[in-house]
Protein backbone atom coordinates (compact mmCIF):
# COMPACT_ATOMS: atom_id res chain seq x y z
CA MET A 1 79.63 13.27 43.67
CA VAL A 2 82.13 16.07 43.13
CA ASN A 3 85.46 16.48 45.01
CA TYR A 4 87.07 19.92 45.22
CA ARG A 5 90.21 20.99 47.15
CA VAL A 6 90.20 24.42 48.77
CA GLU A 7 92.78 26.40 50.72
CA TYR A 8 94.37 24.76 53.79
CA ALA A 9 94.11 21.35 52.09
CA THR A 10 90.54 20.95 53.19
CA LYS A 11 88.55 18.42 51.14
CA VAL A 12 84.92 19.23 50.30
CA LYS A 13 82.58 16.57 48.98
CA PHE A 14 79.28 17.27 47.15
CA GLU A 15 76.97 14.25 47.06
CA VAL A 16 73.45 13.98 45.59
CA THR A 17 71.40 11.27 47.30
CA PRO A 18 69.06 9.33 44.99
CA PRO A 19 65.44 10.07 45.88
CA ALA A 20 63.38 7.43 47.65
CA PHE A 21 61.19 5.40 45.33
CA GLU A 22 58.04 6.65 47.09
CA ASP A 23 59.10 10.26 46.47
CA LEU A 24 59.78 9.41 42.85
CA LEU A 25 56.22 8.14 42.44
CA LYS A 26 54.84 11.39 43.86
CA ASN A 27 56.33 13.26 40.92
CA PHE A 28 55.23 10.63 38.41
CA THR A 29 52.82 11.83 35.73
CA THR A 30 50.88 9.86 33.15
CA SER A 31 49.86 11.22 29.78
CA VAL A 32 47.37 9.63 27.41
CA ASP A 33 47.26 10.26 23.68
CA ASP A 34 43.78 9.51 22.31
CA GLY A 35 44.21 11.95 19.45
CA ILE A 36 45.03 14.77 21.84
CA GLU A 37 47.83 14.13 24.32
CA THR A 38 46.98 15.34 27.82
CA SER A 39 47.54 14.09 31.34
CA ALA A 40 45.41 11.19 32.53
CA GLU A 41 43.76 13.47 35.10
CA GLU A 42 42.32 15.55 32.27
CA LYS A 43 40.69 12.56 30.57
CA GLY A 44 37.19 11.33 31.26
CA ASP A 45 36.31 8.77 33.91
CA GLY A 46 35.91 6.05 31.30
CA MET A 47 39.42 6.60 29.94
CA GLN A 48 40.85 6.62 33.45
CA ARG A 49 39.15 3.31 34.24
CA ALA A 50 40.42 1.84 30.98
CA LEU A 51 43.92 2.99 31.95
CA MET A 52 43.54 1.30 35.33
CA LEU A 53 42.53 -1.92 33.59
CA ALA A 54 45.56 -1.69 31.28
CA ILE A 55 47.94 -1.14 34.21
CA ILE A 56 46.53 -4.07 36.18
CA GLN A 57 46.70 -6.30 33.11
CA ALA A 58 50.30 -5.25 32.44
CA TYR A 59 51.17 -5.97 36.07
CA SER A 60 49.53 -9.38 35.83
CA ASP A 61 51.51 -10.20 32.68
CA PHE A 62 54.72 -9.00 34.36
CA ARG A 63 54.14 -11.28 37.36
CA LYS A 64 53.57 -14.23 35.05
CA ARG A 65 56.71 -13.62 33.02
CA ASN A 66 59.00 -12.98 35.98
CA ASP A 67 57.54 -15.56 38.34
CA ASP A 68 57.73 -13.01 41.14
CA VAL A 69 56.94 -15.38 44.00
CA GLY A 70 58.74 -13.42 46.66
CA LYS A 71 56.00 -10.82 47.02
CA SER A 72 52.26 -10.89 47.39
CA PHE A 73 49.82 -8.02 47.22
CA LEU A 74 46.34 -7.32 48.52
CA PHE A 75 44.14 -5.50 45.99
CA LEU A 76 41.16 -3.58 47.37
CA ILE A 77 39.00 -2.20 44.56
CA ASP A 78 35.87 -0.16 45.21
CA GLU A 79 33.16 -0.30 42.53
CA ALA A 80 35.51 -1.61 39.86
CA GLU A 81 32.67 -1.55 37.32
CA LEU A 82 32.33 2.24 37.21
CA HIS A 83 32.44 3.69 33.68
CA LEU A 84 33.27 0.30 32.15
CA HIS A 85 31.25 -1.47 29.48
CA PRO A 86 30.03 -4.92 30.64
CA THR A 87 32.55 -6.56 28.29
CA ALA A 88 35.35 -4.54 29.88
CA GLN A 89 33.99 -5.40 33.34
CA ARG A 90 34.22 -9.10 32.58
CA LYS A 91 37.74 -8.64 31.19
CA LEU A 92 38.78 -6.79 34.35
CA LYS A 93 37.37 -9.56 36.52
CA ASN A 94 39.31 -12.19 34.56
CA VAL A 95 42.54 -10.21 34.94
CA LEU A 96 42.01 -9.81 38.67
CA HIS A 97 41.15 -13.48 38.93
CA SER A 98 44.45 -14.41 37.28
CA LEU A 99 46.23 -12.47 40.04
CA ALA A 100 44.22 -14.25 42.72
CA LEU A 101 45.26 -17.64 41.34
CA GLY A 102 48.80 -16.80 42.44
CA SER A 103 49.90 -15.36 45.76
CA ASP A 104 47.85 -12.16 45.53
CA GLN A 105 44.40 -11.60 47.02
CA VAL A 106 41.71 -9.43 45.45
CA PHE A 107 38.72 -7.87 47.18
CA ILE A 108 36.09 -6.17 45.02
CA ASN A 109 33.16 -4.11 46.25
CA THR A 110 30.62 -4.05 43.43
CA HIS A 111 27.05 -3.35 42.42
CA SER A 112 27.54 -5.02 39.03
CA SER A 113 25.79 -8.26 38.13
CA VAL A 114 28.67 -9.01 35.73
CA PHE A 115 31.11 -9.46 38.61
CA VAL A 116 28.64 -11.68 40.48
CA ALA A 117 27.16 -13.85 37.74
CA ASP A 118 30.20 -15.82 36.52
CA ASN A 119 31.56 -18.63 38.68
CA LEU A 120 35.36 -18.67 38.82
CA GLU A 121 37.82 -20.85 40.68
CA ASN A 122 38.63 -19.69 44.24
CA GLN A 123 35.85 -17.10 44.10
CA SER A 124 33.78 -16.29 47.19
CA LEU A 125 30.73 -14.02 47.22
CA PHE A 126 29.44 -12.06 50.18
CA ARG A 127 26.46 -9.76 50.56
CA ALA A 128 26.45 -6.74 52.86
CA GLU A 129 23.11 -5.89 54.42
CA LYS A 130 22.28 -3.07 56.79
CA THR A 131 19.53 -3.58 59.38
CA GLU A 132 18.68 -0.85 61.88
CA GLY A 133 22.03 0.83 61.37
CA VAL A 134 24.04 -2.38 61.75
CA THR A 135 25.84 -3.83 58.72
CA ASP A 136 26.13 -7.60 58.49
CA VAL A 137 27.96 -9.66 55.89
CA PHE A 138 26.55 -12.97 54.68
CA PRO A 139 28.05 -15.56 52.32
CA VAL A 140 26.16 -16.05 49.05
CA ASP A 141 25.68 -19.64 47.90
CA GLN A 142 24.63 -20.90 44.48
CA ALA A 143 20.97 -21.16 45.46
CA SER A 144 20.71 -17.52 46.54
CA LYS A 145 22.95 -16.01 43.85
CA PRO A 146 20.15 -15.61 41.25
CA TYR A 147 18.27 -13.44 43.74
CA VAL A 148 21.35 -11.28 44.31
CA VAL A 149 21.81 -10.83 40.55
CA PHE A 150 18.10 -10.02 40.20
CA GLU A 151 18.36 -7.29 42.85
CA LEU A 152 21.49 -5.86 41.23
CA LEU A 153 19.59 -5.62 37.94
CA GLY A 154 16.86 -3.54 39.57
CA GLY A 155 14.71 -5.98 41.51
CA SER A 156 11.90 -5.96 38.95
CA PRO A 157 11.41 -8.13 35.85
CA ALA A 158 10.51 -4.96 33.93
CA ASP A 159 14.04 -3.64 34.48
CA ILE A 160 15.56 -6.55 32.57
CA LEU A 161 12.75 -7.02 30.05
CA MET A 162 11.66 -10.25 31.72
CA PRO A 163 8.07 -11.42 32.20
CA GLN A 164 6.44 -11.30 35.60
CA ASN A 165 6.00 -15.07 35.52
CA PHE A 166 6.22 -18.18 33.33
CA LEU A 167 3.60 -20.75 32.37
CA ILE A 168 5.03 -24.01 31.00
CA VAL A 169 2.73 -26.03 28.74
CA GLU A 170 3.34 -29.27 26.88
CA GLY A 171 2.93 -28.34 23.23
CA LEU A 172 2.21 -25.83 20.52
CA SER A 173 -1.59 -26.10 20.73
CA GLU A 174 -1.62 -24.83 24.31
CA TYR A 175 0.83 -22.09 23.42
CA GLU A 176 -1.16 -20.82 20.43
CA LEU A 177 -4.46 -20.97 22.33
CA LEU A 178 -3.39 -19.35 25.61
CA SER A 179 -1.20 -16.63 24.11
CA ARG A 180 -4.22 -15.41 22.11
CA VAL A 181 -6.66 -15.74 25.00
CA ILE A 182 -4.41 -13.70 27.28
CA ARG A 183 -3.91 -11.01 24.65
CA ARG A 184 -7.63 -10.74 23.81
CA ILE A 185 -9.46 -11.39 27.08
CA TYR A 186 -7.00 -10.53 29.86
CA PRO A 187 -4.87 -7.63 28.59
CA GLY A 188 -4.63 -5.98 32.02
CA LYS A 189 -3.23 -8.99 33.83
CA PRO A 190 0.46 -9.42 34.79
CA ILE A 191 2.73 -10.30 31.87
CA VAL A 192 3.16 -14.08 31.60
CA GLN A 193 5.57 -15.77 29.20
CA ILE A 194 4.26 -19.11 27.93
CA LEU A 195 6.92 -21.75 27.33
CA GLN A 196 6.17 -24.85 25.29
CA ALA A 197 8.07 -27.83 26.58
CA ASN A 198 7.79 -30.12 23.61
CA GLY A 199 8.41 -27.69 20.78
CA ASP A 200 7.22 -30.12 18.09
CA ILE A 201 3.55 -31.06 18.13
CA ASP A 202 4.12 -33.73 15.46
CA GLN A 203 6.13 -35.93 17.78
CA ALA A 204 4.24 -39.18 18.15
CA GLU A 205 5.10 -39.54 21.82
CA ARG A 206 5.28 -36.68 24.28
CA THR A 207 7.46 -37.56 27.24
CA ILE A 208 7.94 -35.98 30.63
CA ASN A 209 11.58 -35.43 29.64
CA ALA A 210 10.45 -32.46 27.56
CA ILE A 211 8.80 -30.93 30.62
CA GLU A 212 11.91 -31.51 32.72
CA LYS A 213 14.08 -29.90 30.04
CA ALA A 214 11.95 -26.74 30.06
CA PHE A 215 11.53 -26.63 33.83
CA THR A 216 15.12 -27.31 34.96
CA PRO A 217 16.68 -23.88 34.18
CA ILE A 218 13.73 -22.04 35.71
CA ASN A 219 13.79 -24.27 38.78
CA ALA A 220 17.26 -22.88 39.57
CA SER A 221 16.18 -19.25 39.13
CA ILE A 222 14.20 -16.60 40.95
CA TYR A 223 11.07 -18.06 39.31
CA ARG A 224 11.39 -21.40 41.13
CA ASN A 225 8.44 -20.75 43.45
CA LYS A 226 6.43 -18.81 40.88
CA THR A 227 6.44 -20.73 37.59
CA VAL A 228 3.25 -22.70 36.91
CA LEU A 229 3.06 -25.92 34.86
CA MET A 230 -0.03 -27.05 32.96
CA LEU A 231 0.23 -30.62 31.65
CA ASP A 232 -1.95 -33.00 29.70
CA LEU A 233 -3.40 -36.00 31.49
CA PRO A 234 -0.58 -38.58 31.18
CA SER A 235 -1.23 -41.79 29.31
CA ALA A 236 -0.59 -45.15 30.96
CA ALA A 237 2.78 -45.31 29.21
CA LYS A 238 3.82 -41.92 30.59
CA GLN A 239 2.32 -42.24 34.07
CA GLY A 240 5.52 -43.57 35.64
CA GLY A 241 7.66 -40.72 34.35
CA PHE A 242 5.02 -38.19 35.35
CA ASP A 243 4.84 -39.56 38.91
CA GLN A 244 8.62 -39.45 39.21
CA PHE A 245 8.74 -35.83 38.03
CA VAL A 246 6.12 -34.77 40.59
CA HIS A 247 7.96 -36.70 43.31
CA ASN A 248 11.24 -34.95 42.47
CA ASN A 249 9.52 -31.55 42.53
CA ARG A 250 7.12 -31.90 45.44
CA HIS A 251 7.08 -28.15 46.01
CA LEU A 252 5.01 -27.81 42.80
CA ARG A 253 2.13 -29.69 44.42
CA ASP A 254 2.57 -28.04 47.80
CA ASN A 255 2.55 -24.54 46.30
CA ARG A 256 -0.17 -25.23 43.71
CA GLN A 257 2.16 -24.71 40.77
CA ILE A 258 1.12 -27.71 38.70
CA TYR A 259 -2.23 -28.26 36.93
CA ILE A 260 -3.34 -31.33 34.99
CA LEU A 261 -5.92 -31.33 32.20
CA ALA A 262 -8.80 -33.80 32.49
CA MET A 263 -7.96 -35.22 29.04
CA ARG A 264 -4.87 -36.36 27.17
CA ASP A 265 -5.20 -33.58 24.57
CA ILE A 266 -6.39 -30.02 25.00
CA GLU A 267 -8.55 -30.38 21.87
CA GLN A 268 -10.80 -32.65 23.96
CA CYS A 269 -11.41 -29.75 26.34
CA TYR A 270 -12.52 -27.17 23.76
CA PRO A 271 -16.15 -25.92 23.87
CA ASP A 272 -18.72 -28.12 22.11
CA LYS A 273 -19.12 -25.62 19.29
CA VAL A 274 -19.41 -26.16 15.54
CA CYS A 275 -17.95 -23.94 12.81
CA GLY A 276 -17.83 -24.32 9.03
CA THR A 277 -14.05 -24.57 8.85
CA TYR A 278 -13.09 -26.92 11.67
CA GLY A 279 -16.36 -28.69 12.46
CA ASN A 280 -16.86 -29.27 16.15
CA TRP A 281 -14.10 -27.60 18.17
CA LYS A 282 -14.29 -30.34 20.78
CA LYS A 283 -12.55 -33.46 19.48
CA THR A 284 -12.65 -37.07 20.59
CA GLN A 285 -9.49 -38.99 21.41
CA GLU A 286 -9.70 -40.76 18.05
CA GLU A 287 -10.04 -37.46 16.22
CA CYS A 288 -7.06 -36.02 18.12
CA ASP A 289 -4.92 -39.03 17.24
CA ALA A 290 -5.82 -38.57 13.57
CA MET A 291 -4.91 -34.85 13.49
CA ASN A 292 -1.42 -33.76 12.52
CA GLY A 293 0.46 -30.90 14.12
CA LYS A 294 -0.51 -28.36 11.49
CA LYS A 295 -4.24 -28.99 11.92
CA LYS A 296 -3.99 -28.81 15.71
CA LYS A 297 -2.11 -25.54 15.47
CA GLN A 298 -4.67 -24.00 13.09
CA LEU A 299 -7.54 -25.08 15.33
CA ALA A 300 -5.81 -23.68 18.43
CA LYS A 301 -5.31 -20.32 16.70
CA HIS A 302 -8.95 -20.22 15.62
CA VAL A 303 -10.26 -21.08 19.08
CA GLY A 304 -7.89 -18.59 20.72
CA ASN A 305 -9.04 -15.83 18.37
CA THR A 306 -12.79 -16.45 18.74
CA ILE A 307 -13.56 -18.08 22.11
CA SER A 308 -15.48 -15.91 24.56
CA LYS A 309 -14.47 -15.24 28.15
CA ASP A 310 -17.34 -17.35 29.52
CA GLU A 311 -16.59 -20.22 27.13
CA PHE A 312 -12.94 -20.22 28.12
CA GLU A 313 -13.52 -20.10 31.86
CA GLN A 314 -16.28 -22.73 31.81
CA ASN A 315 -14.90 -25.25 29.31
CA LEU A 316 -11.19 -24.76 29.88
CA GLY A 317 -11.38 -24.31 33.63
CA VAL A 318 -8.02 -25.96 34.31
CA CYS A 319 -6.34 -23.54 31.90
CA PHE A 320 -8.07 -20.62 33.60
CA ASP A 321 -7.05 -21.88 37.06
CA ALA A 322 -3.44 -22.28 35.92
CA LEU A 323 -3.41 -18.74 34.53
CA ASN A 324 -4.97 -17.36 37.69
CA ARG A 325 -2.32 -19.02 39.84
CA CYS A 326 0.37 -17.75 37.50
CA TRP A 327 -0.93 -14.20 37.92
CA GLU A 328 -1.18 -14.60 41.70
CA LEU A 329 2.46 -15.70 41.97
CA SER A 330 3.83 -13.19 39.48
CA PHE A 331 6.35 -10.53 40.40
CA SER A 332 4.92 -7.09 41.09
CA ILE A 333 6.07 -4.19 38.95
């Protein structure tokens, strides 16, 4: 302010009013030096998104330090994942989540599985779906979230390098045999990933706990109603655990997703065929009990590499039926 006296004792006052904060922001410019200093507008989309992340993180840190409880903000972010690496996406979500734990609220519209997959405190998921020109919004619960993530990743197992279905077997013999049979005899069929539940064929006692351990993560995924199990005939000692497993997963019976061999060991189901290296492929229960894991594995590889299509389908009919059902239920690509 400047005061100046003129003739006739008149007083003139010059006063400069400070600009409103909103007007100040309109003239605010941001420059970024990434080796060449230019305005943020001249940088690429990725750099601009990284700058946005840095500003939000700085704001979050400021709120924490100053305990600014007198104000709350509503953040509306459209496609926050654009131009950000998945690691940066997850970092952005964590920063936004830290704001939401206070008095702020954050709404994110996203097509990124990264923002959907992780479960965080006070997080709610909703899915927008348009039907005949009308958009509806539905809450997403834990049971349906894997399907949402699957659709966000492309809606096809091929998009995420996943098999079209899973076949769970008890041990290494079944794995070695069936993986070779599929590769040799059925190359044009849908891609099936064989999972061995036990992992160690030398274990003296196979328990249903191994099957449950392999099945549990798949049972909570998009493969719940597609995965097929092929199990050995349970012994008297394992019958109780087997019955309990089937009771707890009744949908496996109802949807024909579980198949049981006629014998306790798959070696008892091999074709009655003699070779110079392994003798008769088909073993008795006593012979199976006397074989160690290495011998069973070698025999399974040999049978898988040499068995004919007719021999497999006639002698190992349960295996063939399990594979057929696995192919029937597989995802289409």
